[in-house]
Amino acid sequence: HSSGLPPYVRFFEQGVPPDEVVPTIIDMELEYP
């Protein structure tokens, strides 16, 4: 748990299609080094 990724995103609430959840995580900016 030291990657810099955000702790949590409400994909279910945002309507991100299930098969797009991992690509969405991959595209996220890190919050810390």
PDB file of all heavy atoms in Angstrom:
ATOM      1  N   HIS A   1       0.824  -1.212   0.000  1.00  0.00           N
ATOM      2  CA  HIS A   1       0.000   0.000   0.000  1.00  0.00           C
ATOM      3  C   HIS A   1       0.857   1.261   0.000  1.00  0.00           C
ATOM      4  O   HIS A   1       0.562   2.242   0.693  1.00  0.00           O
ATOM      5  CB  HIS A   1      -0.955  -0.004   1.202  1.00  0.00           C
ATOM      6  CG  HIS A   1      -1.898  -1.177   1.203  1.00  0.00           C
ATOM      7  ND1 HIS A   1      -3.066  -1.201   0.480  1.00  0.00           N
ATOM      8  CD2 HIS A   1      -1.814  -2.384   1.826  1.00  0.00           C
ATOM      9  CE1 HIS A   1      -3.679  -2.362   0.656  1.00  0.00           C
ATOM     10  NE2 HIS A   1      -2.930  -3.107   1.461  1.00  0.00           N
ATOM     11  N   SER A   2       1.922   1.217  -0.785  1.00  0.00           N
ATOM     12  CA  SER A   2       2.826   2.371  -0.874  1.00  0.00           C
ATOM     13  C   SER A   2       3.041   2.796  -2.331  1.00  0.00           C
ATOM     14  O   SER A   2       4.055   3.410  -2.655  1.00  0.00           O
ATOM     15  CB  SER A   2       4.178   2.028  -0.222  1.00  0.00           C
ATOM     16  OG  SER A   2       4.803   0.935  -0.883  1.00  0.00           O
ATOM     17  N   SER A   3       2.086   2.471  -3.195  1.00  0.00           N
ATOM     18  CA  SER A   3       2.258   2.722  -4.631  1.00  0.00           C
ATOM     19  C   SER A   3       2.025   4.172  -5.018  1.00  0.00           C
ATOM     20  O   SER A   3       2.514   4.629  -6.051  1.00  0.00           O
ATOM     21  CB  SER A   3       1.294   1.839  -5.424  1.00  0.00           C
ATOM     22  OG  SER A   3      -0.061   2.235  -5.186  1.00  0.00           O
ATOM     23  N   GLY A   4       1.250   4.893  -4.213  1.00  0.00           N
ATOM     24  CA  GLY A   4       0.858   6.247  -4.580  1.00  0.00           C
ATOM     25  C   GLY A   4      -0.516   6.325  -5.201  1.00  0.00           C
ATOM     26  O   GLY A   4      -1.034   7.420  -5.467  1.00  0.00           O
ATOM     27  N   LEU A   5      -1.154   5.169  -5.438  1.00  0.00           N
ATOM     28  CA  LEU A   5      -2.512   5.169  -5.974  1.00  0.00           C
ATOM     29  C   LEU A   5      -3.501   5.686  -4.922  1.00  0.00           C
ATOM     30  O   LEU A   5      -3.269   5.532  -3.715  1.00  0.00           O
ATOM     31  CB  LEU A   5      -2.914   3.754  -6.392  1.00  0.00           C
ATOM     32  CG  LEU A   5      -2.312   3.226  -7.699  1.00  0.00           C
ATOM     33  CD1 LEU A   5      -2.604   1.737  -7.837  1.00  0.00           C
ATOM     34  CD2 LEU A   5      -2.872   4.000  -8.896  1.00  0.00           C
ATOM     35  N   PRO A   6      -4.612   6.279  -5.363  1.00  0.00           N
ATOM     36  CA  PRO A   6      -5.636   6.723  -4.411  1.00  0.00           C
ATOM     37  C   PRO A   6      -6.157   5.538  -3.599  1.00  0.00           C
ATOM     38  O   PRO A   6      -6.120   4.388  -4.063  1.00  0.00           O
ATOM     39  CB  PRO A   6      -6.730   7.297  -5.317  1.00  0.00           C
ATOM     40  CG  PRO A   6      -6.053   7.610  -6.603  1.00  0.00           C
ATOM     41  CD  PRO A   6      -4.955   6.606  -6.754  1.00  0.00           C
ATOM     42  N   PRO A   7      -6.669   5.800  -2.404  1.00  0.00           N
ATOM     43  CA  PRO A   7      -7.151   4.702  -1.566  1.00  0.00           C
ATOM     44  C   PRO A   7      -8.430   4.061  -2.090  1.00  0.00           C
ATOM     45  O   PRO A   7      -8.611   2.847  -1.981  1.00  0.00           O
ATOM     46  CB  PRO A   7      -7.381   5.356  -0.206  1.00  0.00           C
ATOM     47  CG  PRO A   7      -7.554   6.805  -0.506  1.00  0.00           C
ATOM     48  CD  PRO A   7      -6.688   7.093  -1.682  1.00  0.00           C
ATOM     49  N   TYR A   8      -9.321   4.875  -2.683  1.00  0.00           N
ATOM     50  CA  TYR A   8     -10.652   4.346  -3.002  1.00  0.00           C
ATOM     51  C   TYR A   8     -11.326   5.254  -4.017  1.00  0.00           C
ATOM     52  O   TYR A   8     -11.190   6.477  -3.958  1.00  0.00           O
ATOM     53  CB  TYR A   8     -11.497   4.270  -1.725  1.00  0.00           C
ATOM     54  CG  TYR A   8     -12.856   3.641  -1.872  1.00  0.00           C
ATOM     55  CD1 TYR A   8     -12.985   2.278  -2.115  1.00  0.00           C
ATOM     56  CD2 TYR A   8     -14.011   4.407  -1.750  1.00  0.00           C
ATOM     57  CE1 TYR A   8     -14.236   1.692  -2.230  1.00  0.00           C
ATOM     58  CE2 TYR A   8     -15.269   3.828  -1.858  1.00  0.00           C
ATOM     59  CZ  TYR A   8     -15.374   2.463  -2.107  1.00  0.00           C
ATOM     60  OH  TYR A   8     -16.610   1.890  -2.223  1.00  0.00           O
ATOM     61  N   VAL A   9     -12.032   4.655  -4.950  1.00  0.00           N
ATOM     62  CA  VAL A   9     -12.843   5.396  -5.916  1.00  0.00           C
ATOM     63  C   VAL A   9     -14.166   4.654  -6.055  1.00  0.00           C
ATOM     64  O   VAL A   9     -14.177   3.414  -6.177  1.00  0.00           O
ATOM     65  CB  VAL A   9     -12.145   5.490  -7.295  1.00  0.00           C
ATOM     66  CG1 VAL A   9     -13.078   6.120  -8.324  1.00  0.00           C
ATOM     67  CG2 VAL A   9     -10.860   6.297  -7.197  1.00  0.00           C
ATOM     68  N   ARG A  10     -15.262   5.367  -6.051  1.00  0.00           N
ATOM     69  CA  ARG A  10     -16.588   4.750  -6.121  1.00  0.00           C
ATOM     70  C   ARG A  10     -16.965   4.486  -7.587  1.00  0.00           C
ATOM     71  O   ARG A  10     -17.834   5.145  -8.160  1.00  0.00           O
ATOM     72  CB  ARG A  10     -17.607   5.640  -5.422  1.00  0.00           C
ATOM     73  CG  ARG A  10     -17.256   5.890  -3.958  1.00  0.00           C
ATOM     74  CD  ARG A  10     -18.127   6.970  -3.331  1.00  0.00           C
ATOM     75  NE  ARG A  10     -19.475   6.543  -3.098  1.00  0.00           N
ATOM     76  CZ  ARG A  10     -19.904   5.903  -2.007  1.00  0.00           C
ATOM     77  NH1 ARG A  10     -19.042   5.616  -1.040  1.00  0.00           N
ATOM     78  NH2 ARG A  10     -21.164   5.552  -1.870  1.00  0.00           N
ATOM     79  N   PHE A  11     -16.310   3.489  -8.180  1.00  0.00           N
ATOM     80  CA  PHE A  11     -16.567   3.163  -9.585  1.00  0.00           C
ATOM     81  C   PHE A  11     -18.030   2.826  -9.825  1.00  0.00           C
ATOM     82  O   PHE A  11     -18.607   3.184 -10.848  1.00  0.00           O
ATOM     83  CB  PHE A  11     -15.696   1.977 -10.019  1.00  0.00           C
ATOM     84  CG  PHE A  11     -14.221   2.240  -9.947  1.00  0.00           C
ATOM     85  CD1 PHE A  11     -13.416   1.554  -9.053  1.00  0.00           C
ATOM     86  CD2 PHE A  11     -13.628   3.167 -10.784  1.00  0.00           C
ATOM     87  CE1 PHE A  11     -12.056   1.790  -8.991  1.00  0.00           C
ATOM     88  CE2 PHE A  11     -12.251   3.415 -10.730  1.00  0.00           C
ATOM     89  CZ  PHE A  11     -11.474   2.724  -9.822  1.00  0.00           C
ATOM     90  N   PHE A  12     -18.630   2.108  -8.875  1.00  0.00           N
ATOM     91  CA  PHE A  12     -20.023   1.696  -8.994  1.00  0.00           C
ATOM     92  C   PHE A  12     -20.950   2.901  -9.054  1.00  0.00           C
ATOM     93  O   PHE A  12     -21.985   2.861  -9.713  1.00  0.00           O
ATOM     94  CB  PHE A  12     -20.400   0.796  -7.811  1.00  0.00           C
ATOM     95  CG  PHE A  12     -20.245   1.468  -6.467  1.00  0.00           C
ATOM     96  CD1 PHE A  12     -21.308   2.091  -5.853  1.00  0.00           C
ATOM     97  CD2 PHE A  12     -19.005   1.494  -5.832  1.00  0.00           C
ATOM     98  CE1 PHE A  12     -21.158   2.718  -4.618  1.00  0.00           C
ATOM     99  CE2 PHE A  12     -18.847   2.113  -4.608  1.00  0.00           C
ATOM    100  CZ  PHE A  12     -19.925   2.732  -3.993  1.00  0.00           C
ATOM    101  N   GLU A  13     -20.581   3.965  -8.371  1.00  0.00           N
ATOM    102  CA  GLU A  13     -21.414   5.168  -8.332  1.00  0.00           C
ATOM    103  C   GLU A  13     -21.181   6.038  -9.561  1.00  0.00           C
ATOM    104  O   GLU A  13     -22.107   6.687 -10.068  1.00  0.00           O
ATOM    105  CB  GLU A  13     -21.099   5.959  -7.061  1.00  0.00           C
ATOM    106  CG  GLU A  13     -22.050   7.103  -6.779  1.00  0.00           C
ATOM    107  CD  GLU A  13     -21.765   7.733  -5.434  1.00  0.00           C
ATOM    108  OE1 GLU A  13     -20.715   8.397  -5.304  1.00  0.00           O
ATOM    109  OE2 GLU A  13     -22.571   7.536  -4.509  1.00  0.00           O
ATOM    110  N   GLN A  14     -19.951   6.033 -10.041  1.00  0.00           N
ATOM    111  CA  GLN A  14     -19.610   6.836 -11.213  1.00  0.00           C
ATOM    112  C   GLN A  14     -20.055   6.189 -12.517  1.00  0.00           C
ATOM    113  O   GLN A  14     -20.004   6.817 -13.578  1.00  0.00           O
ATOM    114  CB  GLN A  14     -18.100   7.073 -11.253  1.00  0.00           C
ATOM    115  CG  GLN A  14     -17.570   7.875 -10.080  1.00  0.00           C
ATOM    116  CD  GLN A  14     -16.058   8.028 -10.116  1.00  0.00           C
ATOM    117  OE1 GLN A  14     -15.392   7.571 -11.052  1.00  0.00           O
ATOM    118  NE2 GLN A  14     -15.499   8.669  -9.096  1.00  0.00           N
ATOM    119  N   GLY A  15     -20.476   4.938 -12.452  1.00  0.00           N
ATOM    120  CA  GLY A  15     -20.946   4.265 -13.651  1.00  0.00           C
ATOM    121  C   GLY A  15     -19.836   3.817 -14.589  1.00  0.00           C
ATOM    122  O   GLY A  15     -20.088   3.569 -15.770  1.00  0.00           O
ATOM    123  N   VAL A  16     -18.613   3.680 -14.053  1.00  0.00           N
ATOM    124  CA  VAL A  16     -17.512   3.169 -14.873  1.00  0.00           C
ATOM    125  C   VAL A  16     -17.823   1.709 -15.213  1.00  0.00           C
ATOM    126  O   VAL A  16     -18.009   0.898 -14.305  1.00  0.00           O
ATOM    127  CB  VAL A  16     -16.162   3.260 -14.133  1.00  0.00           C
ATOM    128  CG1 VAL A  16     -15.047   2.661 -14.980  1.00  0.00           C
ATOM    129  CG2 VAL A  16     -15.868   4.705 -13.766  1.00  0.00           C
ATOM    130  N   PRO A  17     -17.908   1.335 -16.473  1.00  0.00           N
ATOM    131  CA  PRO A  17     -18.202  -0.068 -16.815  1.00  0.00           C
ATOM    132  C   PRO A  17     -17.210  -1.004 -16.147  1.00  0.00           C
ATOM    133  O   PRO A  17     -16.017  -0.686 -16.052  1.00  0.00           O
ATOM    134  CB  PRO A  17     -18.067  -0.095 -18.340  1.00  0.00           C
ATOM    135  CG  PRO A  17     -18.312   1.309 -18.772  1.00  0.00           C
ATOM    136  CD  PRO A  17     -17.744   2.167 -17.689  1.00  0.00           C
ATOM    137  N   PRO A  18     -17.669  -2.157 -15.662  1.00  0.00           N
ATOM    138  CA  PRO A  18     -16.764  -3.074 -14.960  1.00  0.00           C
ATOM    139  C   PRO A  18     -15.497  -3.403 -15.737  1.00  0.00           C
ATOM    140  O   PRO A  18     -14.412  -3.483 -15.149  1.00  0.00           O
ATOM    141  CB  PRO A  18     -17.638  -4.319 -14.753  1.00  0.00           C
ATOM    142  CG  PRO A  18     -19.022  -3.784 -14.662  1.00  0.00           C
ATOM    143  CD  PRO A  18     -19.067  -2.634 -15.628  1.00  0.00           C
ATOM    144  N   ASP A  19     -15.603  -3.572 -17.059  1.00  0.00           N
ATOM    145  CA  ASP A  19     -14.408  -3.905 -17.820  1.00  0.00           C
ATOM    146  C   ASP A  19     -13.500  -2.704 -18.063  1.00  0.00           C
ATOM    147  O   ASP A  19     -12.418  -2.843 -18.655  1.00  0.00           O
ATOM    148  CB  ASP A  19     -14.784  -4.558 -19.149  1.00  0.00           C
ATOM    149  CG  ASP A  19     -15.645  -3.666 -20.027  1.00  0.00           C
ATOM    150  OD1 ASP A  19     -16.047  -2.572 -19.573  1.00  0.00           O
ATOM    151  OD2 ASP A  19     -15.921  -4.057 -21.182  1.00  0.00           O
ATOM    152  N   GLU A  20     -13.923  -1.527 -17.593  1.00  0.00           N
ATOM    153  CA  GLU A  20     -13.098  -0.328 -17.710  1.00  0.00           C
ATOM    154  C   GLU A  20     -12.492   0.095 -16.385  1.00  0.00           C
ATOM    155  O   GLU A  20     -11.758   1.083 -16.322  1.00  0.00           O
ATOM    156  CB  GLU A  20     -13.936   0.828 -18.276  1.00  0.00           C
ATOM    157  CG  GLU A  20     -14.313   0.665 -19.740  1.00  0.00           C
ATOM    158  CD  GLU A  20     -13.088   0.656 -20.644  1.00  0.00           C
ATOM    159  OE1 GLU A  20     -12.158   1.459 -20.389  1.00  0.00           O
ATOM    160  OE2 GLU A  20     -13.043  -0.160 -21.581  1.00  0.00           O
ATOM    161  N   VAL A  21     -12.790  -0.650 -15.305  1.00  0.00           N
ATOM    162  CA  VAL A  21     -12.285  -0.266 -13.982  1.00  0.00           C
ATOM    163  C   VAL A  21     -10.756  -0.341 -13.948  1.00  0.00           C
ATOM    164  O   VAL A  21     -10.083   0.611 -13.522  1.00  0.00           O
ATOM    165  CB  VAL A  21     -12.895  -1.156 -12.883  1.00  0.00           C
ATOM    166  CG1 VAL A  21     -12.143  -0.982 -11.560  1.00  0.00           C
ATOM    167  CG2 VAL A  21     -14.371  -0.806 -12.688  1.00  0.00           C
ATOM    168  N   VAL A  22     -10.172  -1.454 -14.373  1.00  0.00           N
ATOM    169  CA  VAL A  22      -8.711  -1.583 -14.357  1.00  0.00           C
ATOM    170  C   VAL A  22      -8.058  -0.560 -15.280  1.00  0.00           C
ATOM    171  O   VAL A  22      -7.091   0.111 -14.872  1.00  0.00           O
ATOM    172  CB  VAL A  22      -8.277  -3.020 -14.693  1.00  0.00           C
ATOM    173  CG1 VAL A  22      -6.770  -3.102 -14.929  1.00  0.00           C
ATOM    174  CG2 VAL A  22      -8.673  -3.962 -13.566  1.00  0.00           C
ATOM    175  N   PRO A  23      -8.518  -0.386 -16.530  1.00  0.00           N
ATOM    176  CA  PRO A  23      -7.938   0.673 -17.360  1.00  0.00           C
ATOM    177  C   PRO A  23      -8.039   2.057 -16.726  1.00  0.00           C
ATOM    178  O   PRO A  23      -7.132   2.886 -16.891  1.00  0.00           O
ATOM    179  CB  PRO A  23      -8.748   0.588 -18.654  1.00  0.00           C
ATOM    180  CG  PRO A  23      -9.177  -0.839 -18.734  1.00  0.00           C
ATOM    181  CD  PRO A  23      -9.458  -1.226 -17.315  1.00  0.00           C
ATOM    182  N   THR A  24      -9.132   2.311 -15.992  1.00  0.00           N
ATOM    183  CA  THR A  24      -9.282   3.601 -15.317  1.00  0.00           C
ATOM    184  C   THR A  24      -8.237   3.766 -14.223  1.00  0.00           C
ATOM    185  O   THR A  24      -7.643   4.845 -14.054  1.00  0.00           O
ATOM    186  CB  THR A  24     -10.693   3.731 -14.722  1.00  0.00           C
ATOM    187  OG1 THR A  24     -11.663   3.632 -15.775  1.00  0.00           O
ATOM    188  CG2 THR A  24     -10.868   5.069 -14.014  1.00  0.00           C
ATOM    189  N   ILE A  25      -7.978   2.688 -13.459  1.00  0.00           N
ATOM    190  CA  ILE A  25      -6.938   2.738 -12.424  1.00  0.00           C
ATOM    191  C   ILE A  25      -5.570   2.980 -13.066  1.00  0.00           C
ATOM    192  O   ILE A  25      -4.766   3.782 -12.567  1.00  0.00           O
ATOM    193  CB  ILE A  25      -6.928   1.429 -11.610  1.00  0.00           C
ATOM    194  CG1 ILE A  25      -8.236   1.264 -10.832  1.00  0.00           C
ATOM    195  CG2 ILE A  25      -5.738   1.404 -10.639  1.00  0.00           C
ATOM    196  CD1 ILE A  25      -8.381  -0.081 -10.125  1.00  0.00           C
ATOM    197  N   ILE A  26      -5.310   2.308 -14.170  1.00  0.00           N
ATOM    198  CA  ILE A  26      -4.022   2.447 -14.857  1.00  0.00           C
ATOM    199  C   ILE A  26      -3.791   3.879 -15.319  1.00  0.00           C
ATOM    200  O   ILE A  26      -2.659   4.385 -15.299  1.00  0.00           O
ATOM    201  CB  ILE A  26      -3.963   1.466 -16.047  1.00  0.00           C
ATOM    202  CG1 ILE A  26      -3.885   0.028 -15.519  1.00  0.00           C
ATOM    203  CG2 ILE A  26      -2.768   1.761 -16.956  1.00  0.00           C
ATOM    204  CD1 ILE A  26      -4.055  -1.026 -16.588  1.00  0.00           C
ATOM    205  N   ASP A  27      -4.861   4.566 -15.708  1.00  0.00           N
ATOM    206  CA  ASP A  27      -4.743   5.942 -16.210  1.00  0.00           C
ATOM    207  C   ASP A  27      -4.666   6.991 -15.105  1.00  0.00           C
ATOM    208  O   ASP A  27      -4.412   8.167 -15.386  1.00  0.00           O
ATOM    209  CB  ASP A  27      -5.931   6.270 -17.124  1.00  0.00           C
ATOM    210  CG  ASP A  27      -5.858   5.530 -18.456  1.00  0.00           C
ATOM    211  OD1 ASP A  27      -4.754   5.082 -18.815  1.00  0.00           O
ATOM    212  OD2 ASP A  27      -6.903   5.377 -19.117  1.00  0.00           O
ATOM    213  N   MET A  28      -4.874   6.608 -13.837  1.00  0.00           N
ATOM    214  CA  MET A  28      -4.896   7.571 -12.744  1.00  0.00           C
ATOM    215  C   MET A  28      -3.514   8.147 -12.458  1.00  0.00           C
ATOM    216  O   MET A  28      -2.494   7.483 -12.638  1.00  0.00           O
ATOM    217  CB  MET A  28      -5.436   6.914 -11.466  1.00  0.00           C
ATOM    218  CG  MET A  28      -6.920   6.633 -11.492  1.00  0.00           C
ATOM    219  SD  MET A  28      -7.457   5.841  -9.955  1.00  0.00           S
ATOM    220  CE  MET A  28      -9.216   5.745 -10.264  1.00  0.00           C
ATOM    221  N   GLU A  29      -3.504   9.380 -11.976  1.00  0.00           N
ATOM    222  CA  GLU A  29      -2.282  10.004 -11.506  1.00  0.00           C
ATOM    223  C   GLU A  29      -1.980   9.519 -10.085  1.00  0.00           C
ATOM    224  O   GLU A  29      -2.892   9.300  -9.280  1.00  0.00           O
ATOM    225  CB  GLU A  29      -2.434  11.531 -11.496  1.00  0.00           C
ATOM    226  CG  GLU A  29      -2.625  12.135 -12.873  1.00  0.00           C
ATOM    227  CD  GLU A  29      -1.364  12.033 -13.715  1.00  0.00           C
ATOM    228  OE1 GLU A  29      -0.254  12.258 -13.161  1.00  0.00           O
ATOM    229  OE2 GLU A  29      -1.481  11.716 -14.915  1.00  0.00           O
ATOM    230  N   LEU A  30      -0.708   9.338  -9.784  1.00  0.00           N
ATOM    231  CA  LEU A  30      -0.316   8.997  -8.422  1.00  0.00           C
ATOM    232  C   LEU A  30      -0.500  10.191  -7.512  1.00  0.00           C
ATOM    233  O   LEU A  30      -0.293  11.337  -7.911  1.00  0.00           O
ATOM    234  CB  LEU A  30       1.143   8.531  -8.382  1.00  0.00           C
ATOM    235  CG  LEU A  30       1.500   7.290  -9.207  1.00  0.00           C
ATOM    236  CD1 LEU A  30       2.970   6.931  -8.984  1.00  0.00           C
ATOM    237  CD2 LEU A  30       0.602   6.110  -8.881  1.00  0.00           C
ATOM    238  N   GLU A  31      -0.869   9.921  -6.257  1.00  0.00           N
ATOM    239  CA  GLU A  31      -1.060  10.998  -5.283  1.00  0.00           C
ATOM    240  C   GLU A  31       0.217  11.301  -4.512  1.00  0.00           C
ATOM    241  O   GLU A  31       0.298  12.335  -3.841  1.00  0.00           O
ATOM    242  CB  GLU A  31      -2.193  10.626  -4.315  1.00  0.00           C
ATOM    243  CG  GLU A  31      -3.551  10.529  -5.004  1.00  0.00           C
ATOM    244  CD  GLU A  31      -4.696  10.375  -4.019  1.00  0.00           C
ATOM    245  OE1 GLU A  31      -4.425  10.006  -2.843  1.00  0.00           O
ATOM    246  OE2 GLU A  31      -5.849  10.626  -4.404  1.00  0.00           O
ATOM    247  N   TYR A  32       1.212  10.413  -4.587  1.00  0.00           N
ATOM    248  CA  TYR A  32       2.509  10.634  -3.941  1.00  0.00           C
ATOM    249  C   TYR A  32       3.508   9.698  -4.608  1.00  0.00           C
ATOM    250  O   TYR A  32       3.121   8.701  -5.241  1.00  0.00           O
ATOM    251  CB  TYR A  32       2.440  10.386  -2.433  1.00  0.00           C
ATOM    252  CG  TYR A  32       1.913   9.032  -2.044  1.00  0.00           C
ATOM    253  CD1 TYR A  32       2.777   7.935  -1.917  1.00  0.00           C
ATOM    254  CD2 TYR A  32       0.556   8.836  -1.796  1.00  0.00           C
ATOM    255  CE1 TYR A  32       2.303   6.697  -1.572  1.00  0.00           C
ATOM    256  CE2 TYR A  32       0.072   7.581  -1.457  1.00  0.00           C
ATOM    257  CZ  TYR A  32       0.941   6.522  -1.347  1.00  0.00           C
ATOM    258  OH  TYR A  32       0.464   5.282  -1.009  1.00  0.00           O
ATOM    259  N   PRO A  33       4.798   9.958  -4.519  1.00  0.00           N
ATOM    260  CA  PRO A  33       5.803   9.103  -5.160  1.00  0.00           C
ATOM    261  C   PRO A  33       5.783   7.690  -4.582  1.00  0.00           C
ATOM    262  O   PRO A  33       5.538   7.506  -3.378  1.00  0.00           O
ATOM    263  CB  PRO A  33       7.131   9.805  -4.846  1.00  0.00           C
ATOM    264  CG  PRO A  33       6.752  11.215  -4.550  1.00  0.00           C
ATOM    265  CD  PRO A  33       5.405  11.159  -3.901  1.00  0.00           C
TER     266      PRO A  33
END
